Amino acid sequence: MHNLSKTQLALSWVLQLAAAGILLQTLFFKFTGAEESVYIFTTLGAEPWGRIGTGVVELIASLLLLVPGTASLGASLALGIMTGAILSHLTVLGIQVKGDGGLLFGLALIVFACSAIVLAIRRAQLPIVGHYFELA
């Protein structure tokens, strides 16, 4: 398995914690049916199943990000989720949602960036990629 330098490991952990923290914080709003979450998923035509399903997948991504052996999988999953969120903002919702000043869009960009960097740092730890490195 690919060994990370101390700097890579520290940076990865800071980014993993940031991404997981944001994802976990937004779960409260999704799972309690907060007005903003209901509005977003109603606008997307996916209320309530999309809101709850997205919350479950975000919870899984968060947990995977917090376990060293699965952080690359969590980053991959979070990257996919945030790609959907960003595209939803750009094509349907708009940058600002219900006067939030673009906060939700900004948080999606932060999680996307954190996850992309974690994935780049830990790419060799992905099961299929890691297997490739073991063969080399």
Protein backbone atom coordinates (compact mmCIF):
# COMPACT_ATOMS: atom_id res chain seq x y z
CA MET A 1 0.00 0.00 0.00
CA HIS A 2 1.17 3.50 -0.84
CA ASN A 3 2.62 5.33 2.17
CA LEU A 4 1.80 8.99 2.67
CA SER A 5 4.29 11.58 3.87
CA LYS A 6 3.54 13.32 7.17
CA THR A 7 2.51 16.44 5.25
CA GLN A 8 0.18 14.51 2.95
CA LEU A 9 -1.33 12.67 5.90
CA ALA A 10 -1.90 15.89 7.89
CA LEU A 11 -3.39 17.71 4.90
CA SER A 12 -5.60 14.76 4.09
CA TRP A 13 -6.94 14.60 7.66
CA VAL A 14 -7.67 18.34 7.79
CA LEU A 15 -9.59 18.09 4.50
CA GLN A 16 -11.35 14.85 5.48
CA LEU A 17 -12.53 16.43 8.74
CA ALA A 18 -13.66 19.60 6.97
CA ALA A 19 -15.65 17.70 4.33
CA ALA A 20 -17.16 15.26 6.83
CA GLY A 21 -17.98 18.10 9.23
CA ILE A 22 -19.88 20.04 6.59
CA LEU A 23 -21.71 16.94 5.37
CA LEU A 24 -22.66 15.87 8.90
CA GLN A 25 -23.83 19.38 9.83
CA THR A 26 -26.22 19.55 6.88
CA LEU A 27 -27.78 16.18 7.77
CA PHE A 28 -29.76 17.76 10.57
CA PHE A 29 -31.57 19.97 8.05
CA LYS A 30 -32.23 17.13 5.62
CA PHE A 31 -33.45 14.64 8.21
CA THR A 32 -35.64 17.09 10.14
CA GLY A 33 -37.32 18.43 7.00
CA ALA A 34 -36.05 21.98 7.45
CA GLU A 35 -37.79 24.52 5.23
CA GLU A 36 -34.71 25.13 3.04
CA SER A 37 -34.12 21.42 2.44
CA VAL A 38 -37.76 20.78 1.60
CA TYR A 39 -37.73 23.79 -0.77
CA ILE A 40 -34.56 22.57 -2.54
CA PHE A 41 -35.77 19.02 -3.10
CA THR A 42 -39.30 20.16 -4.02
CA THR A 43 -37.76 22.48 -6.63
CA LEU A 44 -35.71 19.53 -7.92
CA GLY A 45 -38.82 17.32 -8.01
CA ALA A 46 -37.31 14.92 -5.48
CA GLU A 47 -39.08 15.62 -2.18
CA PRO A 48 -39.00 13.72 0.18
CA TRP A 49 -37.18 10.67 -1.22
CA GLY A 50 -34.34 12.73 -2.75
CA ARG A 51 -33.78 14.69 0.46
CA ILE A 52 -33.72 11.61 2.68
CA GLY A 53 -31.76 9.49 0.18
CA THR A 54 -29.16 12.21 -0.28
CA GLY A 55 -28.89 12.51 3.49
CA VAL A 56 -28.27 8.79 3.86
CA VAL A 57 -25.58 8.83 1.15
CA GLU A 58 -23.96 11.92 2.71
CA LEU A 59 -23.92 10.13 6.09
CA ILE A 60 -22.19 7.13 4.50
CA ALA A 61 -19.66 9.39 2.76
CA SER A 62 -18.96 11.19 6.05
CA LEU A 63 -18.36 7.96 7.93
CA LEU A 64 -16.10 6.64 5.17
CA LEU A 65 -14.11 9.89 5.25
CA LEU A 66 -13.49 9.46 8.98
CA VAL A 67 -11.98 5.97 8.68
CA PRO A 68 -8.41 5.97 7.32
CA GLY A 69 -8.82 2.78 5.30
CA THR A 70 -11.97 4.03 3.55
CA ALA A 71 -11.20 7.76 3.23
CA SER A 72 -10.57 7.47 -0.52
CA LEU A 73 -13.96 5.82 -1.00
CA GLY A 74 -15.63 8.50 1.13
CA ALA A 75 -13.93 11.21 -0.89
CA SER A 76 -15.09 9.58 -4.14
CA LEU A 77 -18.66 9.36 -2.89
CA ALA A 78 -18.64 12.94 -1.57
CA LEU A 79 -17.20 14.15 -4.87
CA GLY A 80 -20.08 12.54 -6.74
CA ILE A 81 -22.70 13.95 -4.39
CA MET A 82 -21.24 17.45 -4.57
CA THR A 83 -21.04 17.29 -8.36
CA GLY A 84 -24.80 16.74 -8.33
CA ALA A 85 -25.34 19.55 -5.82
CA ILE A 86 -23.20 22.02 -7.79
CA LEU A 87 -24.91 21.13 -11.07
CA SER A 88 -28.32 21.51 -9.38
CA HIS A 89 -27.35 24.99 -8.19
CA LEU A 90 -26.03 26.00 -11.61
CA THR A 91 -28.94 24.65 -13.64
CA VAL A 92 -32.07 24.74 -11.45
CA LEU A 93 -31.69 26.29 -8.01
CA GLY A 94 -29.39 29.24 -8.63
CA ILE A 95 -26.35 30.20 -6.60
CA GLN A 96 -28.50 31.72 -3.84
CA VAL A 97 -31.28 29.64 -2.31
CA LYS A 98 -33.95 31.45 -0.30
CA GLY A 99 -31.66 34.42 0.33
CA ASP A 100 -28.74 32.41 1.78
CA GLY A 101 -26.18 34.56 -0.06
CA GLY A 102 -24.82 31.47 -1.80
CA LEU A 103 -23.89 29.71 1.45
CA LEU A 104 -25.12 26.25 0.41
CA PHE A 105 -23.46 26.58 -2.99
CA GLY A 106 -20.21 27.66 -1.30
CA LEU A 107 -20.33 24.72 1.12
CA ALA A 108 -20.84 22.35 -1.83
CA LEU A 109 -17.76 23.86 -3.52
CA ILE A 110 -15.71 23.46 -0.33
CA VAL A 111 -16.71 19.81 0.12
CA PHE A 112 -16.02 19.21 -3.59
CA ALA A 113 -12.53 20.75 -3.35
CA CYS A 114 -11.67 18.97 -0.08
CA SER A 115 -12.84 15.63 -1.48
CA ALA A 116 -10.96 16.09 -4.74
CA ILE A 117 -7.71 16.81 -2.91
CA VAL A 118 -8.22 13.89 -0.47
CA LEU A 119 -8.86 11.63 -3.43
CA ALA A 120 -5.71 12.88 -5.17
CA ILE A 121 -3.63 12.32 -2.02
CA ARG A 122 -5.13 8.90 -1.26
CA ARG A 123 -5.73 7.68 -4.83
CA ALA A 124 -3.45 4.70 -4.36
CA GLN A 125 -5.69 3.56 -1.50
CA LEU A 126 -8.69 3.09 -3.78
CA PRO A 127 -9.24 -0.67 -4.06
CA ILE A 128 -8.77 -0.97 -7.82
CA VAL A 129 -6.00 1.65 -8.03
CA GLY A 130 -4.26 0.26 -4.94
CA HIS A 131 -4.23 -3.17 -6.59
CA TYR A 132 -2.56 -1.60 -9.64
CA PHE A 133 0.18 -0.11 -7.45
CA GLU A 134 0.76 -3.47 -5.73
CA LEU A 135 1.30 -5.08 -9.12
CA ALA A 136 3.78 -2.41 -10.26
